[in-house]
C-alpha cells in the first residue's frame, strides 16, 4: 500500500478567504479518504488494534465523529 502523503493538507493550512477554506477542507477530506481506504484494505480486526497505548483507528474515527458532529 502507498504511504499517505504528509503534505496532503499542508499546503492549505492558512485560508485567506472562503475559497481557501473550501480548498483546505477538501484536502482534509482527501487525506481521510486515503486513510479509510487503506484501513479498509487491512485484515479483519486490524482497525481495532491499539499500538503502544494509542487509540486504534476505529477509536480515532469514533472520537472525531463525536467531536465534530451536530450538537
Protein backbone atom coordinates (compact mmCIF):
# COMPACT_ATOMS: atom_id res chain seq x y z
CA UNK A 1 0.00 0.00 0.00
CA UNK A 2 1.27 3.50 -0.74
CA UNK A 3 2.09 5.77 2.18
CA UNK A 4 -0.16 8.69 2.99
CA UNK A 5 1.13 11.98 1.72
CA UNK A 6 2.35 14.01 4.69
CA UNK A 7 1.74 17.18 2.71
CA UNK A 8 -1.85 16.41 1.73
CA UNK A 9 -3.18 19.16 3.99
CA UNK A 10 -0.01 21.15 4.49
CA UNK A 11 -0.39 23.45 1.50
CA UNK A 12 -3.75 24.72 2.76
CA UNK A 13 -3.04 25.40 6.44
CA UNK A 14 -3.96 29.08 6.40
CA UNK A 15 -7.03 30.08 4.46
CA UNK A 16 -7.17 33.71 3.40
CA UNK A 17 -10.81 33.55 2.28
CA UNK A 18 -13.82 31.25 1.93
CA UNK A 19 -12.43 29.68 -1.23
CA UNK A 20 -9.19 28.87 0.58
CA UNK A 21 -11.17 27.31 3.43
CA UNK A 22 -13.11 25.16 0.97
CA UNK A 23 -9.83 24.04 -0.57
CA UNK A 24 -8.38 23.20 2.83
CA UNK A 25 -11.48 21.22 3.76
CA UNK A 26 -11.20 19.31 0.50
CA UNK A 27 -7.57 18.47 1.31
CA UNK A 28 -8.55 17.19 4.77
CA UNK A 29 -11.35 15.09 3.30
CA UNK A 30 -8.95 13.66 0.74
CA UNK A 31 -6.40 12.73 3.39
CA UNK A 32 -9.06 10.99 5.49
CA UNK A 33 -10.40 9.22 2.39
CA UNK A 34 -6.89 7.86 1.78
CA UNK A 35 -6.63 6.73 5.41
CA UNK A 36 -10.02 5.00 5.43
CA UNK A 37 -9.30 3.35 2.07
CA UNK A 38 -6.04 1.98 3.46
CA UNK A 39 -7.78 0.82 6.63
CA UNK A 40 -10.44 -0.96 4.56
CA UNK A 41 -7.71 -2.97 2.86
CA UNK A 42 -6.25 -4.23 6.16
CA UNK A 43 -7.02 -7.70 7.53
CA UNK A 44 -10.20 -8.08 9.61
CA UNK A 45 -9.81 -6.60 13.07
CA UNK A 46 -6.69 -4.58 12.28
CA UNK A 47 -8.50 -1.25 12.71
CA UNK A 48 -9.24 -2.27 16.31
CA UNK A 49 -5.61 -2.88 17.29
CA UNK A 50 -4.02 -0.32 19.61
CA UNK A 51 -0.29 0.35 19.29
CA UNK A 52 1.72 1.44 22.34
CA UNK A 53 -1.37 2.61 24.21
CA UNK A 54 -2.58 4.92 21.43
CA UNK A 55 -6.15 4.83 20.16
CA UNK A 56 -6.79 2.32 17.42
CA UNK A 57 -8.06 3.55 14.06
CA UNK A 58 -11.71 2.80 14.83
CA UNK A 59 -11.50 4.66 18.17
CA UNK A 60 -9.92 7.66 16.44
CA UNK A 61 -12.73 7.83 13.88
CA UNK A 62 -15.40 7.41 16.55
CA UNK A 63 -13.93 10.27 18.61
CA UNK A 64 -13.61 12.52 15.56
CA UNK A 65 -17.24 11.90 14.61
CA UNK A 66 -18.34 12.57 18.19
CA UNK A 67 -16.41 15.83 18.48
CA UNK A 68 -17.36 17.20 15.06
CA UNK A 69 -20.95 16.00 14.88
CA UNK A 70 -24.01 18.18 15.40
CA UNK A 71 -24.66 19.28 18.98
